């Protein structure tokens, strides 16, 4: 599979869905806020926020949760994603709607 040939938003969503079986998942492209900044590669797909709720996060601290997300997106983080904000929670943790 050639990662560069895939639109990044759906690819991020698919990978997180496959890896974490989330009960809720939101992938937001924030690249337009960073146009012309360091890390803007001109693709319009360099800066992202993911909000994910998954049973895989039960009992894990924030760092362990972020590691699971980073593992699912490892090759994208090294090649196509310049910045990734992660909001990760377990089901039932009350941080408002996604």
PDB file of N, CA and C in Angstrom:
ATOM      1  N   UNK A   1       0.841  -1.181   0.000  1.00  0.00           N
ATOM      2  CA  UNK A   1       0.000   0.000   0.000  1.00  0.00           C
ATOM      3  C   UNK A   1       0.882   1.238   0.000  1.00  0.00           C
ATOM      4  N   UNK A   2       0.573   2.172  -0.835  1.00  0.00           N
ATOM      5  CA  UNK A   2       1.274   3.445  -0.853  1.00  0.00           C
ATOM      6  C   UNK A   2       0.465   4.438  -0.049  1.00  0.00           C
ATOM      7  N   UNK A   3       0.990   4.851   1.101  1.00  0.00           N
ATOM      8  CA  UNK A   3       0.263   5.724   1.999  1.00  0.00           C
ATOM      9  C   UNK A   3      -0.010   7.070   1.348  1.00  0.00           C
ATOM     10  N   UNK A   4       0.935   7.619   0.600  1.00  0.00           N
ATOM     11  CA  UNK A   4       0.782   8.953   0.018  1.00  0.00           C
ATOM     12  C   UNK A   4      -0.391   9.036  -0.951  1.00  0.00           C
ATOM     13  N   UNK A   5      -0.828   7.916  -1.510  1.00  0.00           N
ATOM     14  CA  UNK A   5      -1.917   7.928  -2.485  1.00  0.00           C
ATOM     15  C   UNK A   5      -3.288   8.009  -1.816  1.00  0.00           C
ATOM     16  N   UNK A   6      -3.344   7.897  -0.515  1.00  0.00           N
ATOM     17  CA  UNK A   6      -4.612   7.863   0.195  1.00  0.00           C
ATOM     18  C   UNK A   6      -4.925   9.219   0.820  1.00  0.00           C
ATOM     19  N   UNK A   7      -6.159   9.711   0.729  1.00  0.00           N
ATOM     20  CA  UNK A   7      -6.503  10.907   1.487  1.00  0.00           C
ATOM     21  C   UNK A   7      -6.278  10.630   2.974  1.00  0.00           C
ATOM     22  N   UNK A   8      -5.650  11.544   3.644  1.00  0.00           N
ATOM     23  CA  UNK A   8      -5.168  11.263   4.994  1.00  0.00           C
ATOM     24  C   UNK A   8      -6.268  11.152   6.043  1.00  0.00           C
ATOM     25  N   UNK A   9      -7.286  11.990   5.997  1.00  0.00           N
ATOM     26  CA  UNK A   9      -8.342  11.930   7.009  1.00  0.00           C
ATOM     27  C   UNK A   9      -9.004  10.563   7.098  1.00  0.00           C
ATOM     28  N   UNK A  10      -9.516  10.032   5.993  1.00  0.00           N
ATOM     29  CA  UNK A  10     -10.118   8.697   6.040  1.00  0.00           C
ATOM     30  C   UNK A  10      -9.117   7.607   6.449  1.00  0.00           C
ATOM     31  N   UNK A  11      -7.865   7.780   6.067  1.00  0.00           N
ATOM     32  CA  UNK A  11      -6.846   6.787   6.434  1.00  0.00           C
ATOM     33  C   UNK A  11      -6.595   6.806   7.937  1.00  0.00           C
ATOM     34  N   UNK A  12      -6.512   7.983   8.527  1.00  0.00           N
ATOM     35  CA  UNK A  12      -6.344   8.084   9.984  1.00  0.00           C
ATOM     36  C   UNK A  12      -7.542   7.433  10.669  1.00  0.00           C
ATOM     37  N   UNK A  13      -8.738   7.748  10.205  1.00  0.00           N
ATOM     38  CA  UNK A  13      -9.961   7.191  10.783  1.00  0.00           C
ATOM     39  C   UNK A  13      -9.953   5.669  10.691  1.00  0.00           C
ATOM     40  N   UNK A  14      -9.642   5.139   9.539  1.00  0.00           N
ATOM     41  CA  UNK A  14      -9.644   3.682   9.349  1.00  0.00           C
ATOM     42  C   UNK A  14      -8.642   3.003  10.278  1.00  0.00           C
ATOM     43  N   UNK A  15      -7.448   3.545  10.352  1.00  0.00           N
ATOM     44  CA  UNK A  15      -6.416   2.922  11.184  1.00  0.00           C
ATOM     45  C   UNK A  15      -6.786   2.932  12.668  1.00  0.00           C
ATOM     46  N   UNK A  16      -7.321   4.038  13.133  1.00  0.00           N
ATOM     47  CA  UNK A  16      -7.713   4.103  14.541  1.00  0.00           C
ATOM     48  C   UNK A  16      -8.905   3.192  14.812  1.00  0.00           C
ATOM     49  N   UNK A  17      -9.838   3.129  13.874  1.00  0.00           N
ATOM     50  CA  UNK A  17     -10.988   2.231  14.033  1.00  0.00           C
ATOM     51  C   UNK A  17     -10.526   0.780  14.086  1.00  0.00           C
ATOM     52  N   UNK A  18      -9.612   0.401  13.219  1.00  0.00           N
ATOM     53  CA  UNK A  18      -9.104  -0.970  13.199  1.00  0.00           C
ATOM     54  C   UNK A  18      -8.319  -1.308  14.459  1.00  0.00           C
ATOM     55  N   UNK A  19      -7.501  -0.375  14.923  1.00  0.00           N
ATOM     56  CA  UNK A  19      -6.612  -0.650  16.051  1.00  0.00           C
ATOM     57  C   UNK A  19      -7.305  -0.573  17.406  1.00  0.00           C
ATOM     58  N   UNK A  20      -8.302   0.312  17.539  1.00  0.00           N
ATOM     59  CA  UNK A  20      -8.837   0.602  18.864  1.00  0.00           C
ATOM     60  C   UNK A  20     -10.313   0.256  19.048  1.00  0.00           C
ATOM     61  N   UNK A  21     -11.000  -0.144  18.006  1.00  0.00           N
ATOM     62  CA  UNK A  21     -12.445  -0.430  18.076  1.00  0.00           C
ATOM     63  C   UNK A  21     -13.167   0.625  18.906  1.00  0.00           C
ATOM     64  N   UNK A  22     -13.084   1.874  18.506  1.00  0.00           N
ATOM     65  CA  UNK A  22     -13.639   2.951  19.325  1.00  0.00           C
ATOM     66  C   UNK A  22     -15.165   2.955  19.374  1.00  0.00           C
ATOM     67  N   UNK A  23     -15.680   3.479  20.477  1.00  0.00           N
ATOM     68  CA  UNK A  23     -17.114   3.708  20.597  1.00  0.00           C
ATOM     69  C   UNK A  23     -17.462   5.082  20.035  1.00  0.00           C
ATOM     70  N   UNK A  24     -16.465   5.951  19.908  1.00  0.00           N
ATOM     71  CA  UNK A  24     -16.629   7.256  19.272  1.00  0.00           C
ATOM     72  C   UNK A  24     -15.277   7.678  18.716  1.00  0.00           C
ATOM     73  N   UNK A  25     -15.297   8.304  17.554  1.00  0.00           N
ATOM     74  CA  UNK A  25     -14.049   8.710  16.912  1.00  0.00           C
ATOM     75  C   UNK A  25     -14.304   9.932  16.044  1.00  0.00           C
ATOM     76  N   UNK A  26     -13.474  10.945  16.232  1.00  0.00           N
ATOM     77  CA  UNK A  26     -13.550  12.152  15.421  1.00  0.00           C
ATOM     78  C   UNK A  26     -12.142  12.509  14.955  1.00  0.00           C
ATOM     79  N   UNK A  27     -11.997  12.746  13.664  1.00  0.00           N
ATOM     80  CA  UNK A  27     -10.722  13.135  13.066  1.00  0.00           C
ATOM     81  C   UNK A  27     -10.927  14.502  12.417  1.00  0.00           C
ATOM     82  N   UNK A  28     -10.147  15.488  12.857  1.00  0.00           N
ATOM     83  CA  UNK A  28     -10.311  16.858  12.378  1.00  0.00           C
ATOM     84  C   UNK A  28      -9.006  17.343  11.760  1.00  0.00           C
ATOM     85  N   UNK A  29      -9.106  17.856  10.555  1.00  0.00           N
ATOM     86  CA  UNK A  29      -7.955  18.427   9.862  1.00  0.00           C
ATOM     87  C   UNK A  29      -7.803  19.885  10.306  1.00  0.00           C
ATOM     88  N   UNK A  30      -6.711  20.175  11.004  1.00  0.00           N
ATOM     89  CA  UNK A  30      -6.428  21.524  11.492  1.00  0.00           C
ATOM     90  C   UNK A  30      -5.408  22.254  10.634  1.00  0.00           C
ATOM     91  N   UNK A  31      -5.047  21.694   9.503  1.00  0.00           N
ATOM     92  CA  UNK A  31      -3.949  22.222   8.690  1.00  0.00           C
ATOM     93  C   UNK A  31      -4.175  23.662   8.259  1.00  0.00           C
ATOM     94  N   UNK A  32      -5.413  24.043   8.001  1.00  0.00           N
ATOM     95  CA  UNK A  32      -5.682  25.405   7.543  1.00  0.00           C
ATOM     96  C   UNK A  32      -5.284  26.457   8.580  1.00  0.00           C
ATOM     97  N   UNK A  33      -5.182  26.062   9.845  1.00  0.00           N
ATOM     98  CA  UNK A  33      -4.737  26.980  10.893  1.00  0.00           C
ATOM     99  C   UNK A  33      -3.221  27.178  10.872  1.00  0.00           C
ATOM    100  N   UNK A  34      -2.515  26.370  10.107  1.00  0.00           N
ATOM    101  CA  UNK A  34      -1.048  26.360  10.129  1.00  0.00           C
ATOM    102  C   UNK A  34      -0.424  26.654   8.773  1.00  0.00           C
ATOM    103  N   UNK A  35      -1.209  27.161   7.843  1.00  0.00           N
ATOM    104  CA  UNK A  35      -0.703  27.474   6.513  1.00  0.00           C
ATOM    105  C   UNK A  35       0.484  28.429   6.614  1.00  0.00           C
ATOM    106  N   UNK A  36       1.582  28.046   5.989  1.00  0.00           N
ATOM    107  CA  UNK A  36       2.792  28.853   5.993  1.00  0.00           C
ATOM    108  C   UNK A  36       3.671  28.684   7.215  1.00  0.00           C
ATOM    109  N   UNK A  37       3.218  27.918   8.190  1.00  0.00           N
ATOM    110  CA  UNK A  37       4.008  27.692   9.406  1.00  0.00           C
ATOM    111  C   UNK A  37       4.964  26.518   9.202  1.00  0.00           C
ATOM    112  N   UNK A  38       5.885  26.362  10.122  1.00  0.00           N
ATOM    113  CA  UNK A  38       6.794  25.222  10.123  1.00  0.00           C
ATOM    114  C   UNK A  38       5.977  23.933  10.116  1.00  0.00           C
ATOM    115  N   UNK A  39       6.321  23.021   9.256  1.00  0.00           N
ATOM    116  CA  UNK A  39       5.621  21.749   9.166  1.00  0.00           C
ATOM    117  C   UNK A  39       4.514  21.729   8.136  1.00  0.00           C
ATOM    118  N   UNK A  40       4.129  22.878   7.622  1.00  0.00           N
ATOM    119  CA  UNK A  40       3.124  22.931   6.556  1.00  0.00           C
ATOM    120  C   UNK A  40       3.796  22.497   5.263  1.00  0.00           C
ATOM    121  N   UNK A  41       3.427  21.331   4.774  1.00  0.00           N
ATOM    122  CA  UNK A  41       4.074  20.802   3.572  1.00  0.00           C
ATOM    123  C   UNK A  41       3.320  21.169   2.292  1.00  0.00           C
ATOM    124  N   UNK A  42       2.278  21.978   2.415  1.00  0.00           N
ATOM    125  CA  UNK A  42       1.530  22.414   1.254  1.00  0.00           C
ATOM    126  C   UNK A  42       0.414  21.465   0.825  1.00  0.00           C
ATOM    127  N   UNK A  43       0.292  20.316   1.474  1.00  0.00           N
ATOM    128  CA  UNK A  43      -0.740  19.350   1.102  1.00  0.00           C
ATOM    129  C   UNK A  43      -2.090  19.671   1.722  1.00  0.00           C
ATOM    130  N   UNK A  44      -2.094  20.474   2.770  1.00  0.00           N
ATOM    131  CA  UNK A  44      -3.331  20.729   3.500  1.00  0.00           C
ATOM    132  C   UNK A  44      -3.714  19.573   4.398  1.00  0.00           C
ATOM    133  N   UNK A  45      -2.763  18.665   4.651  1.00  0.00           N
ATOM    134  CA  UNK A  45      -3.015  17.487   5.486  1.00  0.00           C
ATOM    135  C   UNK A  45      -1.844  17.224   6.437  1.00  0.00           C
ATOM    136  N   UNK A  46      -1.365  18.254   7.107  1.00  0.00           N
ATOM    137  CA  UNK A  46      -0.188  18.085   7.962  1.00  0.00           C
ATOM    138  C   UNK A  46      -0.483  18.167   9.455  1.00  0.00           C
ATOM    139  N   UNK A  47      -1.591  18.782   9.847  1.00  0.00           N
ATOM    140  CA  UNK A  47      -1.926  19.003  11.251  1.00  0.00           C
ATOM    141  C   UNK A  47      -3.316  18.435  11.545  1.00  0.00           C
ATOM    142  N   UNK A  48      -3.403  17.600  12.590  1.00  0.00           N
ATOM    143  CA  UNK A  48      -4.642  16.879  12.876  1.00  0.00           C
ATOM    144  C   UNK A  48      -4.957  16.868  14.361  1.00  0.00           C
ATOM    145  N   UNK A  49      -6.251  16.742  14.671  1.00  0.00           N
ATOM    146  CA  UNK A  49      -6.713  16.462  16.027  1.00  0.00           C
ATOM    147  C   UNK A  49      -7.586  15.218  15.952  1.00  0.00           C
ATOM    148  N   UNK A  50      -7.330  14.273  16.837  1.00  0.00           N
ATOM    149  CA  UNK A  50      -8.198  13.103  16.935  1.00  0.00           C
ATOM    150  C   UNK A  50      -8.772  13.055  18.348  1.00  0.00           C
ATOM    151  N   UNK A  51     -10.064  12.778  18.412  1.00  0.00           N
ATOM    152  CA  UNK A  51     -10.736  12.539  19.678  1.00  0.00           C
ATOM    153  C   UNK A  51     -11.280  11.126  19.586  1.00  0.00           C
ATOM    154  N   UNK A  52     -10.831  10.287  20.494  1.00  0.00           N
ATOM    155  CA  UNK A  52     -11.195   8.878  20.410  1.00  0.00           C
ATOM    156  C   UNK A  52     -11.591   8.359  21.785  1.00  0.00           C
ATOM    157  N   UNK A  53     -12.713   7.647  21.798  1.00  0.00           N
ATOM    158  CA  UNK A  53     -13.193   6.973  22.999  1.00  0.00           C
ATOM    159  C   UNK A  53     -13.140   5.478  22.713  1.00  0.00           C
ATOM    160  N   UNK A  54     -12.433   4.744  23.560  1.00  0.00           N
ATOM    161  CA  UNK A  54     -12.256   3.317  23.289  1.00  0.00           C
ATOM    162  C   UNK A  54     -12.137   2.518  24.578  1.00  0.00           C
ATOM    163  N   UNK A  55     -12.726   1.310  24.592  1.00  0.00           N
ATOM    164  CA  UNK A  55     -12.534   0.417  25.726  1.00  0.00           C
ATOM    165  C   UNK A  55     -11.056   0.040  25.915  1.00  0.00           C
ATOM    166  N   UNK A  56     -10.268   0.155  24.870  1.00  0.00           N
ATOM    167  CA  UNK A  56      -8.835  -0.158  24.974  1.00  0.00           C
ATOM    168  C   UNK A  56      -8.121   0.772  25.947  1.00  0.00           C
ATOM    169  N   UNK A  57      -8.725   1.913  26.277  1.00  0.00           N
ATOM    170  CA  UNK A  57      -8.101   2.887  27.156  1.00  0.00           C
ATOM    171  C   UNK A  57      -8.431   2.689  28.632  1.00  0.00           C
ATOM    172  N   UNK A  58      -9.345   1.779  28.940  1.00  0.00           N
ATOM    173  CA  UNK A  58      -9.739   1.555  30.331  1.00  0.00           C
ATOM    174  C   UNK A  58      -8.504   1.173  31.152  1.00  0.00           C
ATOM    175  N   UNK A  59      -8.304   1.876  32.247  1.00  0.00           N
ATOM    176  CA  UNK A  59      -7.199   1.587  33.158  1.00  0.00           C
ATOM    177  C   UNK A  59      -5.854   2.145  32.735  1.00  0.00           C
ATOM    178  N   UNK A  60      -5.797   2.812  31.576  1.00  0.00           N
ATOM    179  CA  UNK A  60      -4.528   3.358  31.090  1.00  0.00           C
ATOM    180  C   UNK A  60      -4.450   4.855  31.390  1.00  0.00           C
ATOM    181  N   UNK A  61      -3.239   5.321  31.674  1.00  0.00           N
ATOM    182  CA  UNK A  61      -3.056   6.753  31.870  1.00  0.00           C
ATOM    183  C   UNK A  61      -2.977   7.459  30.514  1.00  0.00           C
ATOM    184  N   UNK A  62      -2.898   8.784  30.553  1.00  0.00           N
ATOM    185  CA  UNK A  62      -2.898   9.591  29.332  1.00  0.00           C
ATOM    186  C   UNK A  62      -1.759   9.215  28.390  1.00  0.00           C
ATOM    187  N   UNK A  63      -0.568   9.008  28.924  1.00  0.00           N
ATOM    188  CA  UNK A  63       0.586   8.688  28.085  1.00  0.00           C
ATOM    189  C   UNK A  63       0.409   7.329  27.405  1.00  0.00           C
ATOM    190  N   UNK A  64      -0.064   6.341  28.128  1.00  0.00           N
ATOM    191  CA  UNK A  64      -0.279   5.014  27.543  1.00  0.00           C
ATOM    192  C   UNK A  64      -1.346   5.066  26.449  1.00  0.00           C
ATOM    193  N   UNK A  65      -2.376   5.864  26.657  1.00  0.00           N
ATOM    194  CA  UNK A  65      -3.425   6.017  25.646  1.00  0.00           C
ATOM    195  C   UNK A  65      -2.856   6.658  24.386  1.00  0.00           C
ATOM    196  N   UNK A  66      -2.059   7.703  24.564  1.00  0.00           N
ATOM    197  CA  UNK A  66      -1.456   8.371  23.409  1.00  0.00           C
ATOM    198  C   UNK A  66      -0.495   7.446  22.674  1.00  0.00           C
ATOM    199  N   UNK A  67       0.191   6.590  23.394  1.00  0.00           N
ATOM    200  CA  UNK A  67       1.078   5.622  22.740  1.00  0.00           C
ATOM    201  C   UNK A  67       0.307   4.681  21.832  1.00  0.00           C
ATOM    202  N   UNK A  68      -0.866   4.237  22.270  1.00  0.00           N
ATOM    203  CA  UNK A  68      -1.684   3.352  21.425  1.00  0.00           C
ATOM    204  C   UNK A  68      -2.096   4.055  20.133  1.00  0.00           C
ATOM    205  N   UNK A  69      -2.481   5.315  20.250  1.00  0.00           N
ATOM    206  CA  UNK A  69      -2.845   6.084  19.053  1.00  0.00           C
ATOM    207  C   UNK A  69      -1.629   6.249  18.155  1.00  0.00           C
ATOM    208  N   UNK A  70      -0.503   6.625  18.744  1.00  0.00           N
ATOM    209  CA  UNK A  70       0.723   6.815  17.967  1.00  0.00           C
ATOM    210  C   UNK A  70       1.163   5.528  17.273  1.00  0.00           C
ATOM    211  N   UNK A  71       1.007   4.388  17.933  1.00  0.00           N
ATOM    212  CA  UNK A  71       1.370   3.109  17.314  1.00  0.00           C
ATOM    213  C   UNK A  71       0.512   2.836  16.091  1.00  0.00           C
ATOM    214  N   UNK A  72      -0.768   3.143  16.175  1.00  0.00           N
ATOM    215  CA  UNK A  72      -1.676   2.900  15.047  1.00  0.00           C
ATOM    216  C   UNK A  72      -1.336   3.775  13.846  1.00  0.00           C
ATOM    217  N   UNK A  73      -0.708   4.921  14.103  1.00  0.00           N
ATOM    218  CA  UNK A  73      -0.412   5.886  13.034  1.00  0.00           C
ATOM    219  C   UNK A  73       1.086   6.064  12.804  1.00  0.00           C
ATOM    220  N   UNK A  74       1.901   5.144  13.287  1.00  0.00           N
ATOM    221  CA  UNK A  74       3.359   5.317  13.330  1.00  0.00           C
ATOM    222  C   UNK A  74       3.976   5.750  12.009  1.00  0.00           C
ATOM    223  N   UNK A  75       3.706   5.055  10.917  1.00  0.00           N
ATOM    224  CA  UNK A  75       4.350   5.419   9.652  1.00  0.00           C
ATOM    225  C   UNK A  75       3.846   6.757   9.110  1.00  0.00           C
ATOM    226  N   UNK A  76       2.590   7.090   9.400  1.00  0.00           N
ATOM    227  CA  UNK A  76       2.069   8.392   8.984  1.00  0.00           C
ATOM    228  C   UNK A  76       2.720   9.523   9.782  1.00  0.00           C
ATOM    229  N   UNK A  77       2.965   9.274  11.060  1.00  0.00           N
ATOM    230  CA  UNK A  77       3.623  10.278  11.893  1.00  0.00           C
ATOM    231  C   UNK A  77       5.055  10.534  11.448  1.00  0.00           C
ATOM    232  N   UNK A  78       5.676   9.535  10.880  1.00  0.00           N
ATOM    233  CA  UNK A  78       7.063   9.724  10.433  1.00  0.00           C
ATOM    234  C   UNK A  78       7.152  10.262   9.006  1.00  0.00           C
ATOM    235  N   UNK A  79       6.010  10.283   8.287  1.00  0.00           N
ATOM    236  CA  UNK A  79       6.094  10.698   6.886  1.00  0.00           C
ATOM    237  C   UNK A  79       5.129  11.809   6.486  1.00  0.00           C
ATOM    238  N   UNK A  80       3.901  11.799   7.000  1.00  0.00           N
ATOM    239  CA  UNK A  80       2.891  12.729   6.477  1.00  0.00           C
ATOM    240  C   UNK A  80       2.232  13.620   7.519  1.00  0.00           C
ATOM    241  N   UNK A  81       2.267  13.235   8.771  1.00  0.00           N
ATOM    242  CA  UNK A  81       1.635  14.040   9.817  1.00  0.00           C
ATOM    243  C   UNK A  81       2.716  14.810  10.552  1.00  0.00           C
ATOM    244  N   UNK A  82       2.614  16.132  10.520  1.00  0.00           N
ATOM    245  CA  UNK A  82       3.577  16.967  11.240  1.00  0.00           C
ATOM    246  C   UNK A  82       3.163  17.144  12.699  1.00  0.00           C
ATOM    247  N   UNK A  83       1.867  17.311  12.944  1.00  0.00           N
ATOM    248  CA  UNK A  83       1.376  17.546  14.297  1.00  0.00           C
ATOM    249  C   UNK A  83       0.078  16.791  14.518  1.00  0.00           C
ATOM    250  N   UNK A  84      -0.026  16.158  15.688  1.00  0.00           N
ATOM    251  CA  UNK A  84      -1.216  15.393  16.030  1.00  0.00           C
ATOM    252  C   UNK A  84      -1.600  15.688  17.471  1.00  0.00           C
ATOM    253  N   UNK A  85      -2.778  16.282  17.660  1.00  0.00           N
ATOM    254  CA  UNK A  85      -3.330  16.485  18.997  1.00  0.00           C
ATOM    255  C   UNK A  85      -4.238  15.291  19.281  1.00  0.00           C
ATOM    256  N   UNK A  86      -4.088  14.702  20.455  1.00  0.00           N
ATOM    257  CA  UNK A  86      -4.835  13.495  20.802  1.00  0.00           C
ATOM    258  C   UNK A  86      -5.668  13.750  22.051  1.00  0.00           C
ATOM    259  N   UNK A  87      -6.953  13.475  21.929  1.00  0.00           N
ATOM    260  CA  UNK A  87      -7.863  13.460  23.079  1.00  0.00           C
ATOM    261  C   UNK A  87      -8.363  12.025  23.172  1.00  0.00           C
ATOM    262  N   UNK A  88      -7.937  11.322  24.197  1.00  0.00           N
ATOM    263  CA  UNK A  88      -8.273   9.905  24.329  1.00  0.00           C
ATOM    264  C   UNK A  88      -8.958   9.652  25.670  1.00  0.00           C
ATOM    265  N   UNK A  89     -10.094   8.968  25.609  1.00  0.00           N
ATOM    266  CA  UNK A  89     -10.811   8.658  26.835  1.00  0.00           C
ATOM    267  C   UNK A  89     -11.432   7.267  26.740  1.00  0.00           C
ATOM    268  N   UNK A  90     -11.709   6.697  27.909  1.00  0.00           N
ATOM    269  CA  UNK A  90     -12.404   5.423  27.981  1.00  0.00           C
ATOM    270  C   UNK A  90     -13.911   5.694  28.041  1.00  0.00           C
ATOM    271  N   UNK A  91     -14.733   4.737  27.635  1.00  0.00           N
ATOM    272  CA  UNK A  91     -16.191   4.917  27.733  1.00  0.00           C
ATOM    273  C   UNK A  91     -16.588   5.245  29.177  1.00  0.00           C
ATOM    274  N   UNK A  92     -17.501   6.185  29.309  1.00  0.00           N
ATOM    275  CA  UNK A  92     -17.994   6.549  30.631  1.00  0.00           C
ATOM    276  C   UNK A  92     -17.237   7.682  31.296  1.00  0.00           C
ATOM    277  N   UNK A  93     -16.101   8.059  30.738  1.00  0.00           N
ATOM    278  CA  UNK A  93     -15.365   9.191  31.299  1.00  0.00           C
ATOM    279  C   UNK A  93     -16.048  10.467  30.819  1.00  0.00           C
ATOM    280  N   UNK A  94     -16.503  11.292  31.712  1.00  0.00           N
ATOM    281  CA  UNK A  94     -17.314  12.451  31.369  1.00  0.00           C
ATOM    282  C   UNK A  94     -16.556  13.681  30.942  1.00  0.00           C
ATOM    283  N   UNK A  95     -16.202  13.741  29.684  1.00  0.00           N
ATOM    284  CA  UNK A  95     -15.533  14.928  29.151  1.00  0.00           C
ATOM    285  C   UNK A  95     -16.375  15.587  28.073  1.00  0.00           C
ATOM    286  N   UNK A  96     -17.673  15.389  28.123  1.00  0.00           N
ATOM    287  CA  UNK A  96     -18.550  15.998  27.132  1.00  0.00           C
ATOM    288  C   UNK A  96     -18.589  15.208  25.836  1.00  0.00           C
ATOM    289  N   UNK A  97     -19.434  15.631  24.917  1.00  0.00           N
ATOM    290  CA  UNK A  97     -19.579  14.916  23.643  1.00  0.00           C
ATOM    291  C   UNK A  97     -18.355  15.102  22.766  1.00  0.00           C
ATOM    292  N   UNK A  98     -18.194  14.187  21.843  1.00  0.00           N
ATOM    293  CA  UNK A  98     -17.087  14.305  20.891  1.00  0.00           C
ATOM    294  C   UNK A  98     -17.372  15.411  19.921  1.00  0.00           C
TER     295      UNK A  98
END
